[in-house]
Amino acid sequence: MTPNLTGFYKMVSQENMDAYLQALDINIALRKIVCLLKPNKEIIHDPDTGHMIIRTLTTFRNFNMDFTLGQEFSEDLGPVDGRMCQTTVDWEGNKLVCVQKGEKENRGWTHWLEGDLLHLVRYGCGQGRGRGKRQERIR
């Protein structure tokens, strides 16, 4: 059975974000702003339908993903890097895995829970895995 990630999470740590953004060719000014942000994350997950909404909330800009697991959709990454991609999100065991196909190859992320900690590892752009973030469930 897959976990239900529904909850509200606050960031407790972040690693290697600048290197990841640099690999995406994000300009230095925006990279500096993003690295200072402490985003909250709200996840709404309906296990019966596979529908998910993931909201990343910051004082600078908010980002919403609204999708059904296993179904490819067009994702506007404008708030992040101005690109469009074809995205598929699905479970691999107890991990939520996102594959993004577009201008930047081998891009995506993985989410999983350990206790009340929601882990996020981003990967892509020839940088391998390891751009991590941890958020604690607060409700």
N, C-alpha and C. Protein backbone atom coordinates (compact mmCIF):
# COMPACT_ATOMS: atom_id res chain seq x y z
N MET A 1 0.84 -1.18 0.00
CA MET A 1 0.00 0.00 0.00
C MET A 1 0.88 1.25 0.00
N THR A 2 0.54 2.21 -0.83
CA THR A 2 1.31 3.44 -0.91
C THR A 2 0.93 4.39 0.22
N PRO A 3 1.88 5.20 0.69
CA PRO A 3 1.57 6.13 1.78
C PRO A 3 0.68 7.27 1.30
N ASN A 4 -0.05 7.86 2.23
CA ASN A 4 -0.83 9.05 1.94
C ASN A 4 0.00 10.24 2.41
N LEU A 5 0.42 11.08 1.49
CA LEU A 5 1.29 12.22 1.81
C LEU A 5 0.51 13.46 2.22
N THR A 6 -0.82 13.37 2.31
CA THR A 6 -1.61 14.53 2.67
C THR A 6 -1.09 15.17 3.95
N GLY A 7 -0.87 16.48 3.88
CA GLY A 7 -0.41 17.20 5.05
C GLY A 7 0.17 18.55 4.69
N PHE A 8 0.57 19.27 5.72
CA PHE A 8 1.21 20.57 5.56
C PHE A 8 2.60 20.45 6.17
N TYR A 9 3.61 20.83 5.43
CA TYR A 9 5.00 20.61 5.83
C TYR A 9 5.77 21.93 5.83
N LYS A 10 6.69 22.08 6.79
CA LYS A 10 7.59 23.24 6.80
C LYS A 10 9.01 22.74 6.59
N MET A 11 9.82 23.54 5.89
CA MET A 11 11.18 23.13 5.58
C MET A 11 12.05 23.16 6.83
N VAL A 12 12.84 22.10 7.00
CA VAL A 12 13.80 22.05 8.11
C VAL A 12 15.24 22.06 7.62
N SER A 13 15.49 21.66 6.37
CA SER A 13 16.85 21.74 5.83
C SER A 13 16.82 21.65 4.31
N GLN A 14 17.90 22.17 3.71
CA GLN A 14 18.02 22.18 2.25
C GLN A 14 19.50 22.07 1.90
N GLU A 15 19.81 21.26 0.90
CA GLU A 15 21.20 21.04 0.50
C GLU A 15 21.36 21.20 -1.01
N ASN A 16 22.43 21.85 -1.43
CA ASN A 16 22.85 21.92 -2.83
C ASN A 16 21.86 22.59 -3.78
N MET A 17 21.00 23.46 -3.27
CA MET A 17 20.01 24.10 -4.13
C MET A 17 20.68 25.00 -5.18
N ASP A 18 21.70 25.75 -4.80
CA ASP A 18 22.35 26.65 -5.75
C ASP A 18 22.95 25.87 -6.92
N ALA A 19 23.60 24.75 -6.65
CA ALA A 19 24.20 23.95 -7.72
C ALA A 19 23.12 23.41 -8.66
N TYR A 20 21.98 22.99 -8.10
CA TYR A 20 20.89 22.49 -8.93
C TYR A 20 20.34 23.60 -9.83
N LEU A 21 20.11 24.78 -9.25
CA LEU A 21 19.57 25.90 -10.04
C LEU A 21 20.57 26.36 -11.10
N GLN A 22 21.84 26.33 -10.76
CA GLN A 22 22.87 26.70 -11.73
C GLN A 22 22.86 25.72 -12.91
N ALA A 23 22.66 24.44 -12.64
CA ALA A 23 22.59 23.44 -13.71
C ALA A 23 21.39 23.68 -14.62
N LEU A 24 20.35 24.33 -14.09
CA LEU A 24 19.17 24.66 -14.89
C LEU A 24 19.34 25.99 -15.63
N ASP A 25 20.52 26.61 -15.48
CA ASP A 25 20.81 27.90 -16.11
C ASP A 25 19.96 29.04 -15.55
N ILE A 26 19.64 28.96 -14.27
CA ILE A 26 18.91 30.04 -13.60
C ILE A 26 19.90 31.15 -13.29
N ASN A 27 19.50 32.41 -13.53
CA ASN A 27 20.43 33.52 -13.31
C ASN A 27 20.76 33.66 -11.82
N ILE A 28 21.90 34.28 -11.56
CA ILE A 28 22.43 34.35 -10.20
C ILE A 28 21.49 35.09 -9.24
N ALA A 29 20.83 36.15 -9.70
CA ALA A 29 19.94 36.91 -8.81
C ALA A 29 18.79 36.03 -8.33
N LEU A 30 18.15 35.31 -9.24
CA LEU A 30 17.04 34.44 -8.86
C LEU A 30 17.53 33.28 -8.00
N ARG A 31 18.71 32.74 -8.30
CA ARG A 31 19.27 31.66 -7.47
C ARG A 31 19.44 32.12 -6.03
N LYS A 32 19.96 33.33 -5.84
CA LYS A 32 20.19 33.84 -4.48
C LYS A 32 18.87 33.98 -3.73
N ILE A 33 17.84 34.48 -4.41
CA ILE A 33 16.52 34.62 -3.78
C ILE A 33 15.98 33.25 -3.40
N VAL A 34 16.00 32.31 -4.34
CA VAL A 34 15.44 30.98 -4.09
C VAL A 34 16.16 30.30 -2.93
N CYS A 35 17.47 30.45 -2.85
CA CYS A 35 18.23 29.78 -1.78
C CYS A 35 17.93 30.36 -0.40
N LEU A 36 17.41 31.58 -0.35
CA LEU A 36 17.04 32.19 0.93
C LEU A 36 15.63 31.81 1.39
N LEU A 37 14.81 31.31 0.49
CA LEU A 37 13.42 30.99 0.81
C LEU A 37 13.32 29.76 1.70
N LYS A 38 12.31 29.73 2.54
CA LYS A 38 11.99 28.59 3.40
C LYS A 38 10.57 28.14 3.05
N PRO A 39 10.41 27.41 1.95
CA PRO A 39 9.06 27.08 1.49
C PRO A 39 8.32 26.11 2.41
N ASN A 40 7.02 26.33 2.48
CA ASN A 40 6.12 25.35 3.08
C ASN A 40 5.53 24.55 1.93
N LYS A 41 5.06 23.36 2.24
CA LYS A 41 4.47 22.52 1.21
C LYS A 41 3.16 21.95 1.74
N GLU A 42 2.12 22.04 0.93
CA GLU A 42 0.83 21.42 1.24
C GLU A 42 0.56 20.37 0.18
N ILE A 43 0.25 19.16 0.64
CA ILE A 43 -0.07 18.07 -0.28
C ILE A 43 -1.47 17.57 0.03
N ILE A 44 -2.28 17.49 -1.02
CA ILE A 44 -3.62 16.92 -0.92
C ILE A 44 -3.62 15.69 -1.82
N HIS A 45 -3.89 14.54 -1.25
CA HIS A 45 -3.77 13.27 -1.98
C HIS A 45 -5.04 12.46 -1.77
N ASP A 46 -5.71 12.11 -2.86
CA ASP A 46 -6.87 11.23 -2.80
C ASP A 46 -6.44 9.85 -3.31
N PRO A 47 -6.16 8.91 -2.39
CA PRO A 47 -5.67 7.59 -2.80
C PRO A 47 -6.67 6.82 -3.68
N ASP A 48 -7.96 7.11 -3.54
CA ASP A 48 -8.97 6.39 -4.32
C ASP A 48 -8.92 6.75 -5.80
N THR A 49 -8.69 8.02 -6.11
CA THR A 49 -8.68 8.47 -7.51
C THR A 49 -7.27 8.67 -8.06
N GLY A 50 -6.27 8.74 -7.19
CA GLY A 50 -4.91 9.03 -7.62
C GLY A 50 -4.66 10.49 -7.90
N HIS A 51 -5.63 11.34 -7.56
CA HIS A 51 -5.47 12.78 -7.79
C HIS A 51 -4.62 13.39 -6.68
N MET A 52 -3.69 14.28 -7.07
CA MET A 52 -2.84 14.96 -6.09
C MET A 52 -2.73 16.44 -6.45
N ILE A 53 -2.63 17.25 -5.41
CA ILE A 53 -2.28 18.65 -5.55
C ILE A 53 -1.09 18.89 -4.63
N ILE A 54 -0.02 19.43 -5.18
CA ILE A 54 1.15 19.77 -4.38
C ILE A 54 1.36 21.27 -4.52
N ARG A 55 1.25 21.98 -3.39
CA ARG A 55 1.43 23.43 -3.38
C ARG A 55 2.72 23.75 -2.64
N THR A 56 3.62 24.46 -3.31
CA THR A 56 4.83 24.95 -2.68
C THR A 56 4.61 26.43 -2.43
N LEU A 57 4.67 26.82 -1.16
CA LEU A 57 4.27 28.16 -0.75
C LEU A 57 5.46 28.94 -0.18
N THR A 58 5.74 30.11 -0.77
CA THR A 58 6.82 30.96 -0.27
C THR A 58 6.34 32.41 -0.23
N THR A 59 7.14 33.27 0.38
CA THR A 59 6.82 34.70 0.40
C THR A 59 7.12 35.35 -0.95
N PHE A 60 7.88 34.68 -1.80
CA PHE A 60 8.27 35.23 -3.10
C PHE A 60 7.31 34.81 -4.21
N ARG A 61 7.00 33.52 -4.28
CA ARG A 61 6.17 32.98 -5.36
C ARG A 61 5.64 31.62 -4.94
N ASN A 62 4.42 31.30 -5.33
CA ASN A 62 3.83 30.00 -5.05
C ASN A 62 3.81 29.16 -6.33
N PHE A 63 3.85 27.85 -6.16
CA PHE A 63 3.87 26.94 -7.30
C PHE A 63 2.90 25.81 -7.01
N ASN A 64 1.99 25.54 -7.94
CA ASN A 64 0.99 24.48 -7.77
C ASN A 64 1.15 23.41 -8.84
N MET A 65 1.09 22.16 -8.40
CA MET A 65 1.01 21.02 -9.32
C MET A 65 -0.31 20.32 -9.05
N ASP A 66 -1.10 20.10 -10.07
CA ASP A 66 -2.40 19.44 -9.95
C ASP A 66 -2.41 18.34 -11.00
N PHE A 67 -2.46 17.07 -10.58
CA PHE A 67 -2.27 15.97 -11.51
C PHE A 67 -2.92 14.70 -11.00
N THR A 68 -3.00 13.71 -11.89
CA THR A 68 -3.43 12.37 -11.54
C THR A 68 -2.24 11.44 -11.72
N LEU A 69 -1.99 10.62 -10.73
CA LEU A 69 -0.85 9.71 -10.76
C LEU A 69 -0.86 8.84 -12.02
N GLY A 70 0.32 8.70 -12.63
CA GLY A 70 0.47 7.84 -13.80
C GLY A 70 0.05 8.45 -15.12
N GLN A 71 -0.52 9.66 -15.10
CA GLN A 71 -0.97 10.30 -16.34
C GLN A 71 -0.05 11.47 -16.68
N GLU A 72 0.52 11.45 -17.88
CA GLU A 72 1.39 12.54 -18.31
C GLU A 72 0.57 13.82 -18.47
N PHE A 73 1.17 14.95 -18.10
CA PHE A 73 0.51 16.24 -18.24
C PHE A 73 1.54 17.30 -18.60
N SER A 74 1.07 18.41 -19.17
CA SER A 74 1.95 19.53 -19.49
C SER A 74 2.12 20.36 -18.23
N GLU A 75 3.38 20.59 -17.86
CA GLU A 75 3.68 21.35 -16.64
C GLU A 75 4.37 22.65 -17.03
N ASP A 76 3.83 23.75 -16.54
CA ASP A 76 4.41 25.07 -16.77
C ASP A 76 5.37 25.36 -15.63
N LEU A 77 6.66 25.34 -15.92
CA LEU A 77 7.67 25.61 -14.91
C LEU A 77 8.05 27.09 -14.90
N GLY A 78 7.18 27.92 -15.44
CA GLY A 78 7.43 29.36 -15.49
C GLY A 78 7.86 29.96 -14.17
N PRO A 79 7.19 29.61 -13.07
CA PRO A 79 7.62 30.17 -11.78
C PRO A 79 9.02 29.73 -11.37
N VAL A 80 9.51 28.63 -11.95
CA VAL A 80 10.83 28.12 -11.57
C VAL A 80 11.88 28.58 -12.57
N ASP A 81 11.71 28.19 -13.84
CA ASP A 81 12.75 28.51 -14.82
C ASP A 81 12.22 28.88 -16.20
N GLY A 82 10.91 29.12 -16.31
CA GLY A 82 10.35 29.59 -17.57
C GLY A 82 10.15 28.53 -18.63
N ARG A 83 10.32 27.27 -18.29
CA ARG A 83 10.22 26.20 -19.28
C ARG A 83 8.89 25.45 -19.15
N MET A 84 8.56 24.74 -20.23
CA MET A 84 7.44 23.80 -20.23
C MET A 84 8.03 22.41 -20.33
N CYS A 85 7.34 21.43 -19.74
CA CYS A 85 7.79 20.05 -19.89
C CYS A 85 6.58 19.12 -19.80
N GLN A 86 6.79 17.89 -20.23
CA GLN A 86 5.80 16.84 -20.07
C GLN A 86 6.19 16.07 -18.82
N THR A 87 5.26 15.97 -17.89
CA THR A 87 5.56 15.43 -16.57
C THR A 87 4.67 14.24 -16.27
N THR A 88 5.27 13.23 -15.66
CA THR A 88 4.53 12.08 -15.14
C THR A 88 4.98 11.84 -13.71
N VAL A 89 4.01 11.67 -12.82
CA VAL A 89 4.29 11.39 -11.41
C VAL A 89 3.60 10.09 -11.05
N ASP A 90 4.33 9.18 -10.41
CA ASP A 90 3.74 7.90 -10.01
C ASP A 90 4.54 7.32 -8.85
N TRP A 91 3.99 6.29 -8.24
CA TRP A 91 4.65 5.61 -7.14
C TRP A 91 5.66 4.60 -7.65
N GLU A 92 6.81 4.55 -7.01
CA GLU A 92 7.76 3.46 -7.15
C GLU A 92 7.99 2.96 -5.73
N GLY A 93 7.29 1.89 -5.37
CA GLY A 93 7.31 1.44 -3.98
C GLY A 93 6.64 2.49 -3.11
N ASN A 94 7.34 2.96 -2.07
CA ASN A 94 6.77 3.97 -1.18
C ASN A 94 7.27 5.37 -1.51
N LYS A 95 7.86 5.54 -2.71
CA LYS A 95 8.38 6.84 -3.12
C LYS A 95 7.56 7.40 -4.27
N LEU A 96 7.28 8.69 -4.20
CA LEU A 96 6.58 9.40 -5.26
C LEU A 96 7.64 9.95 -6.21
N VAL A 97 7.62 9.48 -7.46
CA VAL A 97 8.68 9.81 -8.42
C VAL A 97 8.11 10.62 -9.58
N CYS A 98 8.77 11.73 -9.88
CA CYS A 98 8.37 12.62 -10.97
C CYS A 98 9.44 12.58 -12.06
N VAL A 99 8.99 12.39 -13.31
CA VAL A 99 9.88 12.45 -14.47
C VAL A 99 9.40 13.61 -15.33
N GLN A 100 10.32 14.54 -15.63
CA GLN A 100 10.00 15.72 -16.42
C GLN A 100 10.79 15.67 -17.73
N LYS A 101 10.07 15.66 -18.86
CA LYS A 101 10.71 15.60 -20.18
C LYS A 101 10.55 16.96 -20.84
N GLY A 102 11.67 17.51 -21.26
CA GLY A 102 11.62 18.82 -21.91
C GLY A 102 12.99 19.26 -22.34
N GLU A 103 13.20 20.58 -22.32
CA GLU A 103 14.46 21.17 -22.77
C GLU A 103 15.66 20.63 -21.99
N LYS A 104 15.52 20.45 -20.70
CA LYS A 104 16.59 19.89 -19.87
C LYS A 104 16.32 18.40 -19.70
N GLU A 105 17.32 17.58 -20.05
CA GLU A 105 17.14 16.13 -20.01
C GLU A 105 17.30 15.56 -18.60
N ASN A 106 16.70 14.38 -18.40
CA ASN A 106 16.86 13.62 -17.14
C ASN A 106 16.56 14.45 -15.92
N ARG A 107 15.44 15.12 -15.93
CA ARG A 107 15.06 16.01 -14.85
C ARG A 107 13.87 15.42 -14.11
N GLY A 108 13.83 15.62 -12.79
CA GLY A 108 12.70 15.16 -12.00
C GLY A 108 12.99 15.25 -10.52
N TRP A 109 12.18 14.55 -9.74
CA TRP A 109 12.35 14.55 -8.29
C TRP A 109 11.71 13.31 -7.69
N THR A 110 12.05 13.07 -6.43
CA THR A 110 11.47 11.96 -5.66
C THR A 110 11.10 12.47 -4.28
N HIS A 111 9.89 12.14 -3.82
CA HIS A 111 9.42 12.45 -2.47
C HIS A 111 9.21 11.15 -1.71
N TRP A 112 9.50 11.14 -0.42
CA TRP A 112 9.15 10.02 0.43
C TRP A 112 9.09 10.49 1.88
N LEU A 113 8.35 9.73 2.68
CA LEU A 113 8.19 10.03 4.10
C LEU A 113 9.06 9.12 4.95
N GLU A 114 9.66 9.69 5.98
CA GLU A 114 10.30 8.93 7.05
C GLU A 114 9.78 9.54 8.34
N GLY A 115 8.86 8.85 8.98
CA GLY A 115 8.19 9.44 10.15
C GLY A 115 7.40 10.65 9.71
N ASP A 116 7.65 11.80 10.34
CA ASP A 116 6.98 13.04 9.95
C ASP A 116 7.82 13.90 9.02
N LEU A 117 8.94 13.37 8.54
CA LEU A 117 9.80 14.13 7.62
C LEU A 117 9.50 13.74 6.17
N LEU A 118 9.16 14.74 5.37
CA LEU A 118 8.96 14.57 3.94
C LEU A 118 10.29 14.91 3.26
N HIS A 119 10.85 13.96 2.57
CA HIS A 119 12.12 14.17 1.87
C HIS A 119 11.85 14.47 0.41
N LEU A 120 12.69 15.33 -0.16
CA LEU A 120 12.62 15.66 -1.58
C LEU A 120 14.04 15.65 -2.12
N VAL A 121 14.26 14.87 -3.17
CA VAL A 121 15.54 14.88 -3.87
C VAL A 121 15.24 15.24 -5.31
N ARG A 122 15.87 16.30 -5.79
CA ARG A 122 15.75 16.71 -7.19
C ARG A 122 16.94 16.17 -7.95
N TYR A 123 16.75 15.91 -9.22
CA TYR A 123 17.86 15.45 -10.04
C TYR A 123 17.71 15.97 -11.46
N GLY A 124 18.81 15.92 -12.18
CA GLY A 124 18.76 16.26 -13.59
C GLY A 124 19.87 17.16 -14.05
N CYS A 125 19.83 17.43 -15.33
CA CYS A 125 20.75 18.37 -15.97
C CYS A 125 22.19 17.93 -15.82
N GLY A 126 22.43 16.62 -15.81
CA GLY A 126 23.78 16.11 -15.70
C GLY A 126 24.38 16.24 -14.32
N GLN A 127 23.59 16.64 -13.35
CA GLN A 127 24.10 16.86 -12.00
C GLN A 127 23.90 15.66 -11.09
N GLY A 128 23.26 14.60 -11.59
CA GLY A 128 23.02 13.44 -10.75
C GLY A 128 21.98 13.73 -9.68
N ARG A 129 21.91 12.83 -8.71
CA ARG A 129 20.94 13.00 -7.62
C ARG A 129 21.61 13.68 -6.44
N GLY A 130 20.81 14.09 -5.48
CA GLY A 130 21.39 14.59 -4.25
C GLY A 130 21.08 16.03 -3.91
N ARG A 131 20.24 16.70 -4.70
CA ARG A 131 19.84 18.05 -4.33
C ARG A 131 18.64 17.90 -3.41
N GLY A 132 18.86 17.94 -2.11
CA GLY A 132 17.84 17.51 -1.17
C GLY A 132 17.21 18.60 -0.34
N LYS A 133 16.03 18.27 0.16
CA LYS A 133 15.28 19.15 1.04
C LYS A 133 14.49 18.25 1.97
N ARG A 134 14.39 18.66 3.23
CA ARG A 134 13.57 17.93 4.19
C ARG A 134 12.56 18.89 4.80
N GLN A 135 11.32 18.41 4.89
CA GLN A 135 10.25 19.21 5.46
C GLN A 135 9.52 18.37 6.50
N GLU A 136 9.17 19.02 7.60
CA GLU A 136 8.50 18.33 8.70
C GLU A 136 7.00 18.55 8.60
N ARG A 137 6.24 17.44 8.78
CA ARG A 137 4.78 17.55 8.76
C ARG A 137 4.34 18.25 10.03
N ILE A 138 3.57 19.32 9.88
CA ILE A 138 3.08 20.04 11.06
C ILE A 138 1.58 19.90 11.23
N ARG A 139 0.91 19.35 10.24
CA ARG A 139 -0.50 19.01 10.39
C ARG A 139 -0.95 18.13 9.26
